Protein backbone atom coordinates (compact mmCIF):
# COMPACT_ATOMS: atom_id res chain seq x y z
CA MET A 1 -4.90 20.34 -16.79
CA ASN A 2 -6.59 17.48 -18.62
CA ILE A 3 -5.55 13.88 -17.92
CA LYS A 4 -5.58 11.82 -21.10
CA THR A 5 -2.91 9.19 -20.42
CA VAL A 6 -2.59 7.04 -17.30
CA ALA A 7 0.02 4.38 -16.54
CA ILE A 8 -0.19 1.92 -13.64
CA LEU A 9 2.98 0.40 -12.21
CA GLY A 10 1.97 -2.70 -10.28
CA ALA A 11 -1.12 -4.74 -11.19
CA GLY A 12 -1.70 -6.55 -7.92
CA ALA A 13 -4.50 -5.95 -5.43
CA VAL A 14 -4.31 -2.14 -5.57
CA GLY A 15 -3.50 -1.90 -9.27
CA SER A 16 -6.45 -4.14 -10.06
CA TYR A 17 -8.84 -1.72 -8.36
CA MET A 18 -7.49 1.12 -10.49
CA ILE A 19 -7.66 -0.94 -13.70
CA TRP A 20 -11.24 -1.94 -12.87
CA GLY A 21 -12.33 1.67 -12.48
CA LEU A 22 -10.30 3.49 -15.11
CA SER A 23 -11.09 0.92 -17.80
CA LYS A 24 -14.55 2.49 -17.88
CA ARG A 25 -13.06 5.72 -19.24
CA GLU A 26 -13.12 5.45 -23.02
CA ASP A 27 -11.65 8.93 -23.45
CA ILE A 28 -8.23 8.12 -21.95
CA LYS A 29 -5.30 5.86 -22.80
CA LEU A 30 -4.67 3.43 -19.97
CA GLY A 31 -1.70 1.11 -19.73
CA ILE A 32 0.18 -1.13 -17.31
CA ILE A 33 3.95 -0.72 -17.12
CA ALA A 34 5.65 -4.11 -17.34
CA GLU A 35 8.59 -5.75 -19.06
CA GLY A 36 9.80 -9.25 -19.89
CA GLU A 37 7.85 -12.30 -18.74
CA ARG A 38 5.52 -10.21 -16.63
CA ALA A 39 4.58 -8.09 -19.64
CA GLU A 40 3.76 -11.20 -21.66
CA ARG A 41 1.60 -12.51 -18.83
CA MET A 42 -0.29 -9.23 -18.50
CA LYS A 43 -0.93 -9.07 -22.26
CA LYS A 44 -2.79 -12.38 -22.10
CA SER A 45 -5.27 -11.39 -19.42
CA CYS A 46 -5.90 -9.63 -16.15
CA MET A 47 -8.67 -11.17 -14.00
CA ILE A 48 -10.56 -8.78 -11.70
CA ASN A 49 -13.76 -9.75 -9.84
CA GLY A 50 -14.17 -12.71 -12.18
CA ILE A 51 -13.95 -10.61 -15.36
CA THR A 52 -11.03 -10.75 -17.78
CA TYR A 53 -9.48 -7.42 -18.75
CA HIS A 54 -6.99 -6.86 -21.56
CA PRO A 55 -5.21 -3.61 -20.68
CA GLU A 56 -2.47 -2.19 -22.86
CA VAL A 57 1.00 -3.08 -21.62
CA TRP A 58 3.75 -0.50 -21.97
CA SER A 59 7.46 -0.51 -21.33
CA PRO A 60 8.68 2.39 -19.16
CA GLN A 61 10.00 4.08 -22.31
CA GLU A 62 6.61 3.73 -24.04
CA ALA A 63 4.93 5.25 -20.98
CA ASN A 64 7.26 8.25 -20.93
CA GLY A 65 5.42 11.52 -20.46
CA VAL A 66 2.07 10.11 -19.29
CA ASP A 67 -0.14 12.63 -17.54
CA LEU A 68 -0.62 10.41 -14.48
CA LEU A 69 1.57 7.60 -13.16
CA ILE A 70 0.01 5.45 -10.42
CA VAL A 71 2.53 3.46 -8.38
CA ALA A 72 0.81 0.43 -6.83
CA LEU A 73 3.76 -1.78 -5.89
CA LYS A 74 4.67 -3.78 -2.84
CA TYR A 75 7.19 -1.85 -0.72
CA GLY A 76 10.03 -4.27 -1.34
CA ALA A 77 9.68 -3.81 -5.11
CA LEU A 78 10.08 -0.02 -5.00
CA PRO A 79 13.91 0.25 -5.08
CA SER A 80 14.20 -1.89 -8.22
CA ALA A 81 11.31 0.02 -9.84
CA MET A 82 12.89 3.47 -9.49
CA GLU A 83 14.44 3.28 -12.96
CA SER A 84 11.03 2.50 -14.47
CA ILE A 85 9.52 5.46 -12.61
CA ARG A 86 12.25 7.77 -13.88
CA LYS A 87 11.79 6.59 -17.46
CA ALA A 88 8.01 6.96 -17.38
CA CYS A 89 8.01 10.37 -15.74
CA GLY A 90 7.95 13.34 -18.13
CA ASP A 91 8.14 17.06 -17.40
CA ASN A 92 4.42 17.30 -16.65
CA THR A 93 3.75 13.85 -15.15
CA THR A 94 1.92 13.65 -11.82
CA VAL A 95 2.82 10.62 -9.70
CA MET A 96 0.45 9.12 -7.12
CA SER A 97 1.86 6.41 -4.86
CA LEU A 98 -0.86 4.14 -3.52
CA MET A 99 1.61 2.05 -1.56
CA ASN A 100 1.30 1.30 2.13
CA GLY A 101 3.43 3.16 4.65
CA VAL A 102 4.34 6.82 4.98
CA ASP A 103 7.65 7.19 3.15
CA SER A 104 7.21 6.01 -0.46
CA GLU A 105 6.47 9.59 -1.59
CA GLU A 106 9.70 10.73 0.02
CA LEU A 107 11.68 7.97 -1.72
CA ILE A 108 10.10 8.66 -5.11
CA SER A 109 10.57 12.43 -4.70
CA ALA A 110 14.29 11.87 -4.16
CA GLU A 111 14.42 10.24 -7.61
CA ILE A 112 12.20 12.48 -9.74
CA GLY A 113 11.60 15.64 -7.71
CA ALA A 114 8.89 16.43 -5.18
CA SER A 115 6.96 18.65 -7.60
CA HIS A 116 5.78 15.56 -9.50
CA VAL A 117 4.36 13.78 -6.45
CA LEU A 118 0.79 14.14 -5.22
CA HIS A 119 0.42 12.48 -1.82
CA SER A 120 -2.25 9.80 -1.70
CA LEU A 121 -3.37 6.53 -0.17
CA ILE A 122 -5.90 3.79 -0.85
CA LYS A 123 -8.13 1.70 1.38
CA VAL A 124 -9.29 -1.43 -0.43
CA ALA A 125 -9.93 -4.85 1.10
CA SER A 126 -9.00 -7.13 -1.77
CA HIS A 127 -7.82 -10.71 -1.91
CA LYS A 128 -6.46 -13.08 -4.50
CA GLU A 129 -8.66 -15.79 -5.98
CA GLY A 130 -7.00 -18.08 -8.48
CA SER A 131 -5.14 -15.93 -10.98
CA GLY A 132 -7.05 -12.73 -10.21
CA TYR A 133 -8.10 -10.29 -7.50
CA CYS A 134 -11.49 -9.68 -5.92
CA PHE A 135 -12.96 -6.82 -3.89
CA ASP A 136 -16.37 -5.38 -3.07
CA PRO A 137 -16.71 -2.08 -5.00
CA GLU A 138 -19.52 -0.85 -2.75
CA THR A 139 -17.79 -1.25 0.62
CA THR A 140 -14.36 -0.11 -0.63
CA ILE A 141 -13.40 3.27 0.87
CA GLY A 142 -11.10 4.00 -2.06
CA ILE A 143 -8.53 6.68 -2.86
CA ILE A 144 -7.74 9.71 -0.70
CA PHE A 145 -5.38 12.37 -2.05
CA GLY A 146 -4.36 15.98 -1.62
CA GLU A 147 -1.73 18.69 -1.66
CA LEU A 148 0.52 19.12 1.36
CA SER A 149 -0.15 22.87 1.39
CA ALA A 150 -2.54 25.41 -0.12
CA PRO A 151 -3.99 25.74 -2.67
CA TYR A 152 -5.61 22.43 -1.76
CA GLN A 153 -7.98 22.48 -4.74
CA SER A 154 -5.06 22.74 -7.14
CA GLU A 155 -5.36 22.23 -10.86
CA ARG A 156 -4.04 18.68 -10.63
CA VAL A 157 -6.35 17.77 -7.74
CA GLN A 158 -9.32 18.96 -9.78
CA ALA A 159 -8.05 17.06 -12.83
CA ILE A 160 -7.82 13.81 -10.87
CA GLU A 161 -11.30 14.31 -9.42
CA THR A 162 -12.58 14.72 -12.98
CA LEU A 163 -10.68 11.60 -14.07
CA PHE A 164 -12.25 9.47 -11.32
CA GLU A 165 -15.82 10.70 -11.91
CA ASN A 166 -18.30 8.06 -13.12
CA THR A 167 -15.74 5.24 -12.93
CA GLY A 168 -17.10 3.41 -9.88
CA LEU A 169 -13.92 4.31 -8.00
CA HIS A 170 -14.52 5.77 -4.55
CA TYR A 171 -12.38 8.83 -3.86
CA ARG A 172 -12.07 12.15 -2.09
CA SER A 173 -9.53 14.94 -1.78
CA THR A 174 -8.44 16.30 1.58
CA GLU A 175 -6.54 19.16 3.18
CA TYR A 176 -5.05 16.69 5.67
CA ILE A 177 -3.37 14.14 3.44
CA ARG A 178 -0.33 13.66 5.69
CA GLU A 179 -2.58 13.01 8.68
CA GLU A 180 -4.75 10.66 6.58
CA MET A 181 -1.65 8.69 5.58
CA TRP A 182 -0.58 8.31 9.20
CA SER A 183 -4.11 7.29 10.15
CA LYS A 184 -3.96 4.45 7.64
CA PHE A 185 -0.41 3.66 8.77
CA ARG A 186 -1.74 3.28 12.32
CA LEU A 187 -4.48 0.96 11.09
CA ASN A 188 -1.95 -1.23 9.29
CA VAL A 189 0.50 -1.40 12.18
CA CYS A 190 -2.10 -2.02 14.91
CA ASN A 191 -4.51 -4.32 13.04
CA ASN A 192 -2.39 -5.88 10.32
CA LEU A 193 0.64 -7.00 12.31
CA PRO A 194 -0.61 -8.67 15.53
CA GLN A 195 -3.00 -10.96 13.64
CA ALA A 196 -0.14 -11.92 11.32
CA VAL A 197 1.88 -13.12 14.31
CA LEU A 198 -1.10 -15.04 15.70
CA GLY A 199 -2.18 -16.41 12.32
CA ALA A 200 -5.87 -15.72 12.95
CA GLY A 201 -8.63 -13.54 11.54
CA VAL A 202 -9.33 -9.99 12.72
CA GLY A 203 -11.94 -11.27 15.16
CA CYS A 204 -8.99 -11.93 17.49
CA TYR A 205 -8.97 -8.27 18.56
CA ARG A 206 -12.58 -8.55 19.68
CA ASP A 207 -12.18 -11.92 21.36
CA SER A 208 -8.81 -11.60 23.14
CA VAL A 209 -7.72 -8.99 25.68
CA HIS A 210 -4.15 -10.09 25.00
CA MET A 211 -4.38 -9.31 21.29
CA LYS A 212 -5.93 -5.95 22.10
CA ALA A 213 -3.08 -5.22 24.52
CA ILE A 214 -0.52 -5.88 21.77
CA SER A 215 -2.43 -3.71 19.32
CA ASP A 216 -2.68 -0.91 21.90
CA GLY A 217 1.06 -1.08 22.59
CA LEU A 218 1.88 -0.68 18.92
CA ARG A 219 -0.59 2.20 18.71
CA ARG A 220 0.96 4.10 21.62
CA GLU A 221 4.42 3.95 20.05
CA LEU A 222 3.17 5.08 16.64
CA GLU A 223 1.15 7.96 18.07
CA ALA A 224 4.13 9.14 20.14
CA ILE A 225 6.28 9.27 17.00
CA ALA A 226 3.55 11.07 15.04
CA ALA A 227 3.20 13.65 17.82
CA ALA A 228 6.97 14.22 17.83
CA LYS A 229 6.70 14.92 14.09
CA ASN A 230 3.85 17.40 14.70
CA ILE A 231 1.38 15.15 12.88
CA ASP A 232 -2.07 15.44 14.44
CA ILE A 233 -3.78 12.18 13.44
CA SER A 234 -7.02 13.37 15.06
CA LYS A 235 -7.53 15.66 12.05
CA ALA A 236 -7.87 12.55 9.91
CA ASP A 237 -10.09 10.88 12.49
CA GLU A 238 -12.54 13.77 12.11
CA SER A 239 -12.71 13.57 8.30
CA SER A 240 -12.27 9.84 7.62
CA SER A 241 -15.24 7.60 7.04
CA ARG A 242 -15.40 4.42 9.06
CA GLY A 243 -13.40 1.44 7.92
CA SER A 244 -14.76 -1.16 5.54
CA ALA A 245 -16.85 -3.85 7.23
CA VAL A 246 -14.99 -7.17 7.21
CA PRO A 247 -15.85 -10.59 8.67
CA PRO A 248 -13.96 -11.78 11.77
CA SER A 249 -12.20 -14.33 9.56
CA ALA A 250 -10.60 -11.58 7.41
CA ARG A 251 -6.85 -11.85 6.99
CA TYR A 252 -5.05 -8.60 6.17
CA SER A 253 -2.12 -8.22 3.78
CA THR A 254 0.74 -9.22 6.11
CA LEU A 255 -0.96 -12.47 7.07
CA GLN A 256 -1.93 -13.07 3.44
CA ASP A 257 1.75 -12.74 2.52
CA LEU A 258 2.83 -15.20 5.23
CA ASP A 259 0.05 -17.62 4.24
CA ALA A 260 1.36 -17.55 0.66
CA GLY A 261 5.00 -17.94 1.68
CA ARG A 262 5.87 -14.42 0.54
CA HIS A 263 8.01 -11.85 2.29
CA THR A 264 5.94 -9.12 3.96
CA GLU A 265 6.08 -5.33 4.10
CA ILE A 266 7.23 -5.34 7.74
CA ASP A 267 10.19 -3.08 6.89
CA MET A 268 7.71 -0.41 5.85
CA PHE A 269 5.62 -0.85 9.01
CA SER A 270 7.51 -1.62 12.23
CA GLY A 271 10.87 -1.29 10.50
CA ALA A 272 10.14 2.35 9.64
CA LEU A 273 8.81 3.06 13.14
CA ILE A 274 11.91 1.58 14.77
CA ARG A 275 14.10 3.80 12.58
CA MET A 276 12.03 6.91 13.34
CA GLY A 277 11.93 6.05 17.03
CA LYS A 278 15.73 5.88 17.18
CA GLU A 279 16.01 9.21 15.36
CA LEU A 280 13.59 10.84 17.83
CA GLY A 281 14.72 9.05 20.99
CA ILE A 282 11.36 7.29 21.43
CA PRO A 283 11.45 3.63 22.60
CA THR A 284 9.56 1.17 20.39
CA PRO A 285 9.69 -2.23 22.17
CA TYR A 286 6.35 -3.48 20.81
CA ASN A 287 7.39 -2.68 17.25
CA GLU A 288 10.86 -4.16 17.75
CA TYR A 289 9.42 -7.47 18.93
CA THR A 290 6.82 -7.49 16.13
CA TYR A 291 9.48 -6.71 13.53
CA HIS A 292 11.75 -9.55 14.60
CA ILE A 293 8.99 -12.17 15.03
CA ILE A 294 7.58 -11.47 11.55
CA LYS A 295 11.10 -11.57 10.08
CA ALA A 296 11.54 -14.95 11.78
CA LEU A 297 8.23 -16.15 10.29
CA GLU A 298 9.53 -15.12 6.86
CA GLU A 299 12.68 -17.17 7.52
CA LYS A 300 10.51 -20.09 8.52
CA ASN A 301 8.63 -19.83 5.22
CA ASP A 302 11.99 -19.72 3.44
CA GLY A 303 12.87 -23.11 4.98
CA LYS A 304 15.55 -21.81 7.34
CA PHE A 305 14.21 -23.87 10.24
CA ASP A 306 13.68 -27.13 8.41
CA TYR A 307 15.81 -29.51 10.44
CA SER A 308 14.33 -32.73 9.08
CA LYS A 309 17.51 -33.55 7.15
CA ASN A 310 19.94 -32.31 9.79
CA ASN A 311 20.71 -34.68 12.64
CA GLU A 312 23.52 -32.57 14.08
CA LEU A 313 23.06 -32.10 17.81
CA THR A 314 22.77 -28.65 19.35
CA CYS A 315 23.07 -27.47 22.93
CA SER A 316 20.13 -26.57 25.16
CA LYS A 317 20.58 -24.48 28.30
């Protein structure tokens, strides 16, 4: 297997990291899948770490049959992107989903077949500056991928390793990809969500026993669900490198979304855990509270609680 064509669906924080690295490969065709106004915007420029890139922009039909399709969308955009994924996927296309959460592969597999999907994740601490995205290439952990079962060094795993060589991208393959995905899921749920509710940098976990207690509560629920699914996260703990060093002021993706007035990926985090908990009979009170408070913060950003023009009295008990 030799990867010669790569399409990226989603050119945000994660997609920008992939564009940055794969643009160094002069022996492949690289394109971003986009249509309409977004396609016109991407054709003009793509700013990454202060440098302007001009990647090719393809419609899903033009991308059809690419060797590798990288899905780097926000969770809420996935349902509406399924048609684009179907159109881009050919008989021999491998699909890597670098989305947060633990169920995007399952959702994509239901549309195009599980044989196309190579499980993967990404750890990159990026943030938006102006019209572009910035990250530190040296401290970025990068892409982790692998087959769910042997042979773990499959032809497509080897082909992707070859593709990523000498690009600056950090990567590794693993025999424990499901466990690695749940390990990252745990990091997102326990570190991403409480600080989003508080509206403070990650230093809050170091400085407040109350924030640590909330984080620990979320962790216990997640680990109980993982154990019920026979997922041993400790296998990932043994193989994973330490997390990227970040300053105490760092604001992770959920808080970044709330800061910008965007809807978050809470459905993919606590929403998914609540659903799984109900299926397995495992209580998830910490996740239920976190889910509803972040949904309420989204409503606040949407203007639902702007009562400045409403003088109608309400009752207080």
